Amino acid sequence: MSLNIGWKTRPTRYELLKLREQQKLAKRAHDLLEDKYRMLNLEAKSIKNTLLPFEKQLDSELGKSYRAFFRAVMHSGLKNMELAAKSTKANDNIKVRWERVHGLTLPNIKPKIERRNPLKRGYGLSNTSAAIDDAAESAEQTVILLVTVSELRNTLRALQREVERTRIRVFALEKVLLPYLDQEIKTIEIKLEERERERHTVWRLIKQNRGDSTNI
């Protein structure tokens, strides 16, 4: 739909039909965008409500991880901590698939991180302690929560950006395009009515003149 807002529209029936069609399309677009805006808002609020408890849990788990790490350092020494870290098998698998949410393509990230015992982690038991095990377990739980929180935050940001873009488009239709079309249609209708009245007046005068000429 292309409009030259600010340029004078020719007051013809053809232009009137074009503007009415554009008005119909604009109203339909407005209704669709309003529906999309409401759905996006609901989805964003739902994601935010889901995110909040995970963020609180992550803050709590981060604190536990730091405390567990320092206890392990104090109990086993930094050297043994480094040896255990170097011997630990990787545990950072995640599964990513893309999903469509109200027209947006968003990543769905699921952590595949295992909650492991010391043997599965790969470091030996001779130079480690229960404090190191506690620190490793807490770190694994923290990483799982980090992945979950990151996915939810990314989804929420994307939804909020789309909400704002949709709000701007709805506002532009409500406050700019639709009022412009309404005014242009009314202006052309008034001018066409004036022309029609003038035409009737001219025909009436012509008939009167013909009648007068036949009576002479």
Protein backbone atom coordinates (compact mmCIF):
# COMPACT_ATOMS: atom_id res chain seq x y z
CA MET A 1 0.00 0.00 0.00
CA SER A 2 1.63 3.25 -1.14
CA LEU A 3 0.30 6.63 -0.14
CA ASN A 4 1.61 10.12 -0.74
CA ILE A 5 0.57 11.58 2.58
CA GLY A 6 0.63 15.33 2.38
CA TRP A 7 0.06 15.42 -1.39
CA LYS A 8 -3.28 16.53 -2.67
CA THR A 9 -5.37 13.60 -3.93
CA ARG A 10 -7.32 14.14 -7.14
CA PRO A 11 -11.06 14.34 -6.31
CA THR A 12 -12.23 11.62 -8.71
CA ARG A 13 -14.39 8.54 -8.24
CA TYR A 14 -11.44 6.38 -9.21
CA GLU A 15 -9.31 7.90 -6.44
CA LEU A 16 -12.21 7.50 -4.01
CA LEU A 17 -12.46 3.79 -4.80
CA LYS A 18 -8.69 3.41 -4.38
CA LEU A 19 -8.74 5.16 -1.02
CA ARG A 20 -11.67 3.08 0.23
CA GLU A 21 -9.81 -0.10 -0.71
CA GLN A 22 -6.69 1.16 1.05
CA GLN A 23 -8.80 2.05 4.08
CA LYS A 24 -10.25 -1.46 4.17
CA LEU A 25 -6.78 -3.02 3.97
CA ALA A 26 -5.43 -0.65 6.63
CA LYS A 27 -8.27 -1.52 9.03
CA ARG A 28 -7.67 -5.22 8.48
CA ALA A 29 -3.92 -4.78 9.06
CA HIS A 30 -4.68 -2.79 12.21
CA ASP A 31 -6.92 -5.54 13.60
CA LEU A 32 -4.34 -8.23 12.83
CA LEU A 33 -1.53 -6.22 14.40
CA GLU A 34 -3.62 -5.50 17.50
CA ASP A 35 -4.24 -9.24 17.90
CA LYS A 36 -0.53 -9.92 17.43
CA TYR A 37 0.33 -7.21 19.98
CA ARG A 38 -1.95 -8.77 22.59
CA MET A 39 -0.60 -12.27 21.96
CA LEU A 40 3.02 -11.11 22.12
CA ASN A 41 2.34 -9.27 25.39
CA LEU A 42 0.76 -12.36 26.92
CA GLU A 43 3.66 -14.53 25.78
CA ALA A 44 6.23 -12.04 27.14
CA LYS A 45 4.47 -11.91 30.52
CA SER A 46 4.34 -15.70 30.65
CA ILE A 47 8.08 -15.97 29.89
CA LYS A 48 8.86 -13.29 32.49
CA ASN A 49 6.85 -15.15 35.14
CA THR A 50 8.71 -18.34 34.25
CA LEU A 51 12.08 -16.58 34.32
CA LEU A 52 11.84 -14.91 37.74
CA PRO A 53 12.02 -18.08 39.90
CA PHE A 54 14.88 -19.44 37.77
CA GLU A 55 16.82 -16.18 38.26
CA LYS A 56 16.33 -16.38 42.03
CA GLN A 57 17.41 -20.01 41.99
CA LEU A 58 20.47 -19.11 39.91
CA ASP A 59 21.49 -16.33 42.32
CA SER A 60 21.17 -18.76 45.20
CA GLU A 61 23.11 -21.50 43.38
CA LEU A 62 25.90 -19.09 42.39
CA GLY A 63 26.36 -18.17 46.04
CA LYS A 64 26.49 -21.85 46.97
CA SER A 65 29.02 -22.53 44.20
CA TYR A 66 31.36 -19.76 45.36
CA ARG A 67 31.16 -20.94 48.97
CA ALA A 68 31.70 -24.57 47.94
CA PHE A 69 34.69 -23.56 45.81
CA PHE A 70 36.38 -21.66 48.63
CA ARG A 71 35.73 -24.51 51.09
CA ALA A 72 37.32 -26.93 48.62
CA VAL A 73 40.37 -24.67 48.19
CA MET A 74 40.75 -24.33 51.95
CA HIS A 75 40.35 -28.08 52.51
CA SER A 76 42.26 -29.59 49.58
CA GLY A 77 44.49 -26.78 48.37
CA LEU A 78 44.54 -24.95 45.05
CA LYS A 79 46.94 -27.44 43.45
CA ASN A 80 44.62 -30.40 44.03
CA MET A 81 41.70 -28.30 42.76
CA GLU A 82 43.61 -27.59 39.54
CA LEU A 83 44.49 -31.28 39.11
CA ALA A 84 40.86 -32.29 39.61
CA ALA A 85 39.70 -29.63 37.12
CA LYS A 86 42.19 -30.80 34.46
CA SER A 87 41.14 -34.43 34.96
CA THR A 88 37.41 -33.73 34.78
CA LYS A 89 35.67 -34.94 31.62
CA ALA A 90 33.71 -32.37 29.63
CA ASN A 91 30.09 -32.05 30.63
CA ASP A 92 28.81 -29.21 28.50
CA ASN A 93 26.38 -30.76 26.02
CA ILE A 94 23.35 -28.73 25.02
CA LYS A 95 20.60 -29.38 22.48
CA VAL A 96 19.39 -26.49 20.33
CA ARG A 97 16.38 -26.45 18.04
CA TRP A 98 14.65 -23.49 16.45
CA GLU A 99 10.99 -22.74 17.04
CA ARG A 100 8.49 -20.26 15.59
CA VAL A 101 6.74 -18.17 18.24
CA HIS A 102 4.22 -15.61 16.90
CA GLY A 103 6.28 -15.09 13.75
CA LEU A 104 9.64 -15.04 15.55
CA THR A 105 12.32 -17.69 15.11
CA LEU A 106 13.75 -18.40 18.56
CA PRO A 107 16.29 -20.94 19.84
CA ASN A 108 15.02 -23.61 22.21
CA ILE A 109 18.07 -24.58 24.28
CA LYS A 110 18.00 -27.63 26.50
CA PRO A 111 21.01 -28.48 28.68
CA LYS A 112 22.16 -32.10 28.44
CA ILE A 113 24.51 -31.71 31.40
CA GLU A 114 24.64 -34.73 33.70
CA ARG A 115 24.62 -34.69 37.49
CA ARG A 116 27.63 -36.98 37.94
CA ASN A 117 29.42 -38.78 40.73
CA PRO A 118 33.22 -38.39 41.20
CA LEU A 119 34.03 -41.48 39.10
CA LYS A 120 32.00 -40.26 36.13
CA ARG A 121 33.67 -36.87 36.35
CA GLY A 122 36.99 -38.58 35.68
CA TYR A 123 39.26 -37.37 38.46
CA GLY A 124 40.82 -39.80 40.90
CA LEU A 125 39.67 -40.16 44.47
CA SER A 126 43.12 -40.29 46.04
CA ASN A 127 43.91 -36.58 45.80
CA THR A 128 40.38 -35.23 46.11
CA SER A 129 37.93 -34.77 48.93
CA ALA A 130 34.23 -34.49 49.60
CA ALA A 131 34.66 -30.71 49.48
CA ILE A 132 35.84 -30.92 45.85
CA ASP A 133 32.91 -33.21 45.03
CA ASP A 134 30.49 -30.70 46.55
CA ALA A 135 32.07 -27.86 44.56
CA ALA A 136 31.86 -29.85 41.30
CA GLU A 137 28.24 -30.83 41.92
CA SER A 138 27.26 -27.25 42.70
CA ALA A 139 29.07 -26.01 39.56
CA GLU A 140 27.17 -28.50 37.38
CA GLN A 141 23.84 -27.36 38.80
CA THR A 142 24.85 -23.72 38.26
CA VAL A 143 25.69 -24.36 34.59
CA ILE A 144 22.32 -26.05 34.03
CA LEU A 145 20.56 -23.03 35.50
CA LEU A 146 22.73 -20.62 33.48
CA VAL A 147 21.68 -22.28 30.22
CA THR A 148 18.00 -22.20 31.22
CA VAL A 149 18.12 -18.57 32.34
CA SER A 150 20.04 -17.52 29.20
CA GLU A 151 17.44 -19.12 26.93
CA LEU A 152 14.54 -17.48 28.78
CA ARG A 153 16.22 -14.07 28.81
CA ASN A 154 16.99 -14.29 25.09
CA THR A 155 13.38 -15.25 24.35
CA LEU A 156 12.05 -12.45 26.54
CA ARG A 157 14.28 -9.82 24.88
CA ALA A 158 13.21 -10.96 21.40
CA LEU A 159 9.53 -10.84 22.38
CA GLN A 160 9.89 -7.40 23.96
CA ARG A 161 11.57 -6.05 20.80
CA GLU A 162 8.75 -7.45 18.66
CA VAL A 163 6.14 -6.05 21.07
CA GLU A 164 7.65 -2.58 20.66
CA ARG A 165 7.86 -2.87 16.86
CA THR A 166 4.24 -4.02 16.71
CA ARG A 167 3.12 -1.23 19.05
CA ILE A 168 4.74 1.37 16.77
CA ARG A 169 3.01 -0.08 13.71
CA VAL A 170 -0.38 -0.12 15.46
CA PHE A 171 0.17 3.48 16.59
CA ALA A 172 1.11 4.56 13.05
CA LEU A 173 -2.06 3.01 11.65
CA GLU A 174 -4.29 4.47 14.38
CA LYS A 175 -2.83 7.97 14.54
CA VAL A 176 -1.47 8.58 11.04
CA LEU A 177 -2.67 6.36 8.22
CA LEU A 178 -6.31 5.70 9.14
CA PRO A 179 -7.06 9.36 10.06
CA TYR A 180 -5.40 10.45 6.81
CA LEU A 181 -7.49 8.04 4.75
CA ASP A 182 -10.69 9.07 6.57
CA GLN A 183 -10.00 12.73 5.88
CA GLU A 184 -9.10 12.19 2.23
CA ILE A 185 -12.23 10.09 1.64
CA LYS A 186 -14.46 12.72 3.28
CA THR A 187 -12.81 15.49 1.27
CA ILE A 188 -13.32 13.69 -2.05
CA GLU A 189 -16.92 12.75 -1.14
CA ILE A 190 -17.70 16.39 -0.37
CA LYS A 191 -16.14 17.57 -3.63
CA LEU A 192 -17.94 14.92 -5.66
CA GLU A 193 -21.25 15.88 -4.01
CA GLU A 194 -20.57 19.53 -4.86
CA ARG A 195 -19.87 18.60 -8.47
CA GLU A 196 -23.06 16.55 -8.59
CA ARG A 197 -25.09 19.47 -7.26
CA GLU A 198 -23.44 21.80 -9.78
CA ARG A 199 -24.22 19.35 -12.57
CA HIS A 200 -27.88 19.18 -11.54
CA THR A 201 -28.02 22.95 -11.36
CA VAL A 202 -26.52 23.29 -14.83
CA TRP A 203 -28.97 20.74 -16.28
CA ARG A 204 -31.87 22.51 -14.63
CA LEU A 205 -30.75 25.84 -16.10
CA ILE A 206 -30.29 24.25 -19.53
CA LYS A 207 -33.80 22.78 -19.40
CA GLN A 208 -35.21 26.12 -18.29
CA ASN A 209 -33.43 27.91 -21.12
CA ARG A 210 -34.73 25.37 -23.64
CA GLY A 211 -38.22 25.82 -22.30
CA ASP A 212 -37.96 29.59 -22.52
CA SER A 213 -36.64 29.44 -26.09
CA THR A 214 -39.54 27.27 -27.28
CA ASN A 215 -42.06 29.70 -25.83
CA ILE A 216 -40.69 32.67 -27.79
